[in-house]
């Protein structure tokens, strides 16, 4: 019974660690995608103004 408890503790810790790492990686990637989207939006607006002038 004690080995089962330790196995569950290790599994929970590993899952927590994987979730924590993925959260931080996904957080950074979302910020990078947001910056890229804003840059593309600005470039698109600049191109439209250049054509209409």
PDB file of N, CA and C in Angstrom:
ATOM      1  N   UNK A   1       0.828  -1.202   0.000  1.00  0.00           N
ATOM      2  CA  UNK A   1       0.000   0.000   0.000  1.00  0.00           C
ATOM      3  C   UNK A   1       0.866   1.258   0.000  1.00  0.00           C
ATOM      4  N   UNK A   2       1.967   1.219   0.720  1.00  0.00           N
ATOM      5  CA  UNK A   2       2.849   2.383   0.774  1.00  0.00           C
ATOM      6  C   UNK A   2       3.472   2.661  -0.593  1.00  0.00           C
ATOM      7  N   UNK A   3       3.800   1.607  -1.327  1.00  0.00           N
ATOM      8  CA  UNK A   3       4.392   1.796  -2.660  1.00  0.00           C
ATOM      9  C   UNK A   3       3.366   2.416  -3.614  1.00  0.00           C
ATOM     10  N   UNK A   4       2.122   2.039  -3.485  1.00  0.00           N
ATOM     11  CA  UNK A   4       1.074   2.619  -4.312  1.00  0.00           C
ATOM     12  C   UNK A   4       0.936   4.110  -4.021  1.00  0.00           C
ATOM     13  N   UNK A   5       1.003   4.488  -2.773  1.00  0.00           N
ATOM     14  CA  UNK A   5       0.910   5.891  -2.393  1.00  0.00           C
ATOM     15  C   UNK A   5       2.081   6.688  -2.978  1.00  0.00           C
ATOM     16  N   UNK A   6       3.298   6.145  -2.877  1.00  0.00           N
ATOM     17  CA  UNK A   6       4.459   6.821  -3.440  1.00  0.00           C
ATOM     18  C   UNK A   6       4.363   6.918  -4.964  1.00  0.00           C
ATOM     19  N   UNK A   7       3.825   5.918  -5.591  1.00  0.00           N
ATOM     20  CA  UNK A   7       3.646   5.948  -7.044  1.00  0.00           C
ATOM     21  C   UNK A   7       2.676   7.064  -7.434  1.00  0.00           C
ATOM     22  N   UNK A   8       1.581   7.181  -6.702  1.00  0.00           N
ATOM     23  CA  UNK A   8       0.616   8.255  -6.973  1.00  0.00           C
ATOM     24  C   UNK A   8       1.232   9.629  -6.734  1.00  0.00           C
ATOM     25  N   UNK A   9       2.047   9.756  -5.694  1.00  0.00           N
ATOM     26  CA  UNK A   9       2.705  11.033  -5.409  1.00  0.00           C
ATOM     27  C   UNK A   9       3.649  11.411  -6.552  1.00  0.00           C
ATOM     28  N   UNK A  10       4.425  10.456  -7.024  1.00  0.00           N
ATOM     29  CA  UNK A  10       5.362  10.726  -8.121  1.00  0.00           C
ATOM     30  C   UNK A  10       4.612  11.079  -9.397  1.00  0.00           C
ATOM     31  N   UNK A  11       3.546  10.358  -9.700  1.00  0.00           N
ATOM     32  CA  UNK A  11       2.751  10.649 -10.903  1.00  0.00           C
ATOM     33  C   UNK A  11       2.147  12.044 -10.820  1.00  0.00           C
ATOM     34  N   UNK A  12       1.601  12.401  -9.686  1.00  0.00           N
ATOM     35  CA  UNK A  12       1.018  13.735  -9.517  1.00  0.00           C
ATOM     36  C   UNK A  12       2.079  14.818  -9.656  1.00  0.00           C
ATOM     37  N   UNK A  13       3.246  14.591  -9.081  1.00  0.00           N
ATOM     38  CA  UNK A  13       4.321  15.577  -9.186  1.00  0.00           C
ATOM     39  C   UNK A  13       4.779  15.746 -10.627  1.00  0.00           C
ATOM     40  N   UNK A  14       4.937  14.651 -11.341  1.00  0.00           N
ATOM     41  CA  UNK A  14       5.370  14.723 -12.740  1.00  0.00           C
ATOM     42  C   UNK A  14       4.320  15.442 -13.581  1.00  0.00           C
ATOM     43  N   UNK A  15       3.054  15.132 -13.395  1.00  0.00           N
ATOM     44  CA  UNK A  15       1.997  15.812 -14.147  1.00  0.00           C
ATOM     45  C   UNK A  15       1.951  17.298 -13.823  1.00  0.00           C
ATOM     46  N   UNK A  16       2.150  17.640 -12.562  1.00  0.00           N
ATOM     47  CA  UNK A  16       2.174  19.045 -12.169  1.00  0.00           C
ATOM     48  C   UNK A  16       3.350  19.760 -12.839  1.00  0.00           C
ATOM     49  N   UNK A  17       4.501  19.129 -12.851  1.00  0.00           N
ATOM     50  CA  UNK A  17       5.688  19.727 -13.449  1.00  0.00           C
ATOM     51  C   UNK A  17       5.513  19.921 -14.954  1.00  0.00           C
ATOM     52  N   UNK A  18       4.962  18.937 -15.635  1.00  0.00           N
ATOM     53  CA  UNK A  18       4.714  19.039 -17.073  1.00  0.00           C
ATOM     54  C   UNK A  18       3.708  20.155 -17.353  1.00  0.00           C
ATOM     55  N   UNK A  19       2.654  20.231 -16.583  1.00  0.00           N
ATOM     56  CA  UNK A  19       1.668  21.294 -16.758  1.00  0.00           C
ATOM     57  C   UNK A  19       2.256  22.673 -16.515  1.00  0.00           C
ATOM     58  N   UNK A  20       3.095  22.804 -15.512  1.00  0.00           N
ATOM     59  CA  UNK A  20       3.728  24.078 -15.199  1.00  0.00           C
ATOM     60  C   UNK A  20       4.639  24.517 -16.330  1.00  0.00           C
ATOM     61  N   UNK A  21       5.447  23.588 -16.859  1.00  0.00           N
ATOM     62  CA  UNK A  21       6.356  23.912 -17.955  1.00  0.00           C
ATOM     63  C   UNK A  21       5.596  24.267 -19.225  1.00  0.00           C
ATOM     64  N   UNK A  22       4.555  23.511 -19.548  1.00  0.00           N
ATOM     65  CA  UNK A  22       3.772  23.800 -20.755  1.00  0.00           C
ATOM     66  C   UNK A  22       3.066  25.139 -20.646  1.00  0.00           C
ATOM     67  N   UNK A  23       2.596  25.470 -19.458  1.00  0.00           N
ATOM     68  CA  UNK A  23       1.914  26.751 -19.260  1.00  0.00           C
ATOM     69  C   UNK A  23       2.862  27.903 -19.571  1.00  0.00           C
ATOM     70  N   UNK A  24       4.106  27.802 -19.090  1.00  0.00           N
ATOM     71  CA  UNK A  24       5.059  28.876 -19.342  1.00  0.00           C
ATOM     72  C   UNK A  24       5.463  28.927 -20.812  1.00  0.00           C
ATOM     73  N   UNK A  25       5.627  27.806 -21.454  1.00  0.00           N
ATOM     74  CA  UNK A  25       5.983  27.801 -22.876  1.00  0.00           C
ATOM     75  C   UNK A  25       4.848  28.332 -23.731  1.00  0.00           C
ATOM     76  N   UNK A  26       3.627  27.928 -23.422  1.00  0.00           N
ATOM     77  CA  UNK A  26       2.470  28.398 -24.187  1.00  0.00           C
ATOM     78  C   UNK A  26       2.259  29.891 -23.952  1.00  0.00           C
ATOM     79  N   UNK A  27       2.502  30.340 -22.729  1.00  0.00           N
ATOM     80  CA  UNK A  27       2.372  31.768 -22.433  1.00  0.00           C
ATOM     81  C   UNK A  27       3.290  32.611 -23.286  1.00  0.00           C
ATOM     82  N   UNK A  28       4.543  32.168 -23.432  1.00  0.00           N
ATOM     83  CA  UNK A  28       5.486  32.901 -24.275  1.00  0.00           C
ATOM     84  C   UNK A  28       5.075  32.851 -25.733  1.00  0.00           C
ATOM     85  N   UNK A  29       4.626  31.706 -26.198  1.00  0.00           N
ATOM     86  CA  UNK A  29       4.259  31.595 -27.615  1.00  0.00           C
ATOM     87  C   UNK A  29       3.038  32.455 -27.935  1.00  0.00           C
ATOM     88  N   UNK A  30       2.113  32.582 -27.002  1.00  0.00           N
ATOM     89  CA  UNK A  30       0.947  33.435 -27.226  1.00  0.00           C
ATOM     90  C   UNK A  30       1.383  34.889 -27.355  1.00  0.00           C
ATOM     91  N   UNK A  31       2.325  35.328 -26.532  1.00  0.00           N
ATOM     92  CA  UNK A  31       2.806  36.695 -26.630  1.00  0.00           C
ATOM     93  C   UNK A  31       3.526  36.931 -27.952  1.00  0.00           C
ATOM     94  N   UNK A  32       4.304  35.971 -28.399  1.00  0.00           N
ATOM     95  CA  UNK A  32       5.009  36.107 -29.669  1.00  0.00           C
ATOM     96  C   UNK A  32       4.006  36.190 -30.822  1.00  0.00           C
ATOM     97  N   UNK A  33       2.992  35.329 -30.791  1.00  0.00           N
ATOM     98  CA  UNK A  33       1.969  35.367 -31.846  1.00  0.00           C
ATOM     99  C   UNK A  33       1.205  36.686 -31.832  1.00  0.00           C
ATOM    100  N   UNK A  34       0.948  37.223 -30.661  1.00  0.00           N
ATOM    101  CA  UNK A  34       0.251  38.504 -30.553  1.00  0.00           C
ATOM    102  C   UNK A  34       1.093  39.625 -31.149  1.00  0.00           C
ATOM    103  N   UNK A  35       2.381  39.636 -30.875  1.00  0.00           N
ATOM    104  CA  UNK A  35       3.269  40.652 -31.441  1.00  0.00           C
ATOM    105  C   UNK A  35       3.321  40.526 -32.963  1.00  0.00           C
ATOM    106  N   UNK A  36       3.422  39.313 -33.478  1.00  0.00           N
ATOM    107  CA  UNK A  36       3.443  39.099 -34.926  1.00  0.00           C
ATOM    108  C   UNK A  36       2.136  39.584 -35.557  1.00  0.00           C
ATOM    109  N   UNK A  37       1.015  39.294 -34.922  1.00  0.00           N
ATOM    110  CA  UNK A  37      -0.279  39.729 -35.459  1.00  0.00           C
ATOM    111  C   UNK A  37      -0.380  41.250 -35.489  1.00  0.00           C
ATOM    112  N   UNK A  38       0.116  41.920 -34.466  1.00  0.00           N
ATOM    113  CA  UNK A  38       0.072  43.389 -34.439  1.00  0.00           C
ATOM    114  C   UNK A  38       0.966  43.968 -35.528  1.00  0.00           C
ATOM    115  N   UNK A  39       2.152  43.388 -35.710  1.00  0.00           N
ATOM    116  CA  UNK A  39       3.055  43.859 -36.758  1.00  0.00           C
ATOM    117  C   UNK A  39       2.412  43.689 -38.133  1.00  0.00           C
ATOM    118  N   UNK A  40       1.795  42.540 -38.379  1.00  0.00           N
ATOM    119  CA  UNK A  40       1.131  42.310 -39.665  1.00  0.00           C
ATOM    120  C   UNK A  40      -0.033  43.266 -39.875  1.00  0.00           C
ATOM    121  N   UNK A  41      -0.767  43.565 -38.816  1.00  0.00           N
ATOM    122  CA  UNK A  41      -1.872  44.514 -38.910  1.00  0.00           C
ATOM    123  C   UNK A  41      -1.361  45.896 -39.280  1.00  0.00           C
ATOM    124  N   UNK A  42      -0.281  46.334 -38.644  1.00  0.00           N
ATOM    125  CA  UNK A  42       0.288  47.649 -38.946  1.00  0.00           C
ATOM    126  C   UNK A  42       0.794  47.697 -40.388  1.00  0.00           C
ATOM    127  N   UNK A  43       1.477  46.644 -40.820  1.00  0.00           N
ATOM    128  CA  UNK A  43       1.961  46.607 -42.204  1.00  0.00           C
ATOM    129  C   UNK A  43       0.801  46.648 -43.203  1.00  0.00           C
ATOM    130  N   UNK A  44      -0.263  45.924 -42.896  1.00  0.00           N
ATOM    131  CA  UNK A  44      -1.435  45.913 -43.775  1.00  0.00           C
ATOM    132  C   UNK A  44      -2.076  47.297 -43.848  1.00  0.00           C
ATOM    133  N   UNK A  45      -2.184  47.974 -42.722  1.00  0.00           N
ATOM    134  CA  UNK A  45      -2.768  49.326 -42.716  1.00  0.00           C
ATOM    135  C   UNK A  45      -1.883  50.299 -43.477  1.00  0.00           C
ATOM    136  N   UNK A  46      -0.570  50.169 -43.352  1.00  0.00           N
ATOM    137  CA  UNK A  46       0.344  51.058 -44.073  1.00  0.00           C
ATOM    138  C   UNK A  46       0.256  50.836 -45.578  1.00  0.00           C
ATOM    139  N   UNK A  47       0.117  49.606 -46.005  1.00  0.00           N
ATOM    140  CA  UNK A  47      -0.002  49.309 -47.433  1.00  0.00           C
ATOM    141  C   UNK A  47      -1.307  49.859 -48.005  1.00  0.00           C
ATOM    142  N   UNK A  48      -2.389  49.765 -47.250  1.00  0.00           N
ATOM    143  CA  UNK A  48      -3.682  50.288 -47.728  1.00  0.00           C
ATOM    144  C   UNK A  48      -3.637  51.798 -47.868  1.00  0.00           C
ATOM    145  N   UNK A  49      -3.014  52.491 -46.924  1.00  0.00           N
ATOM    146  CA  UNK A  49      -2.933  53.955 -47.001  1.00  0.00           C
ATOM    147  C   UNK A  49      -2.080  54.382 -48.181  1.00  0.00           C
ATOM    148  N   UNK A  50      -1.026  53.620 -48.457  1.00  0.00           N
ATOM    149  CA  UNK A  50      -0.152  53.954 -49.590  1.00  0.00           C
ATOM    150  C   UNK A  50      -0.878  53.818 -50.916  1.00  0.00           C
ATOM    151  N   UNK A  51      -1.768  52.869 -51.038  1.00  0.00           N
ATOM    152  CA  UNK A  51      -2.498  52.652 -52.286  1.00  0.00           C
ATOM    153  C   UNK A  51      -3.590  53.694 -52.504  1.00  0.00           C
ATOM    154  N   UNK A  52      -4.242  54.117 -51.422  1.00  0.00           N
ATOM    155  CA  UNK A  52      -5.352  55.049 -51.555  1.00  0.00           C
ATOM    156  C   UNK A  52      -4.879  56.476 -51.784  1.00  0.00           C
ATOM    157  N   UNK A  53      -3.640  56.790 -51.480  1.00  0.00           N
ATOM    158  CA  UNK A  53      -3.145  58.167 -51.612  1.00  0.00           C
ATOM    159  C   UNK A  53      -2.802  58.504 -53.045  1.00  0.00           C
TER     160      UNK A  53
END
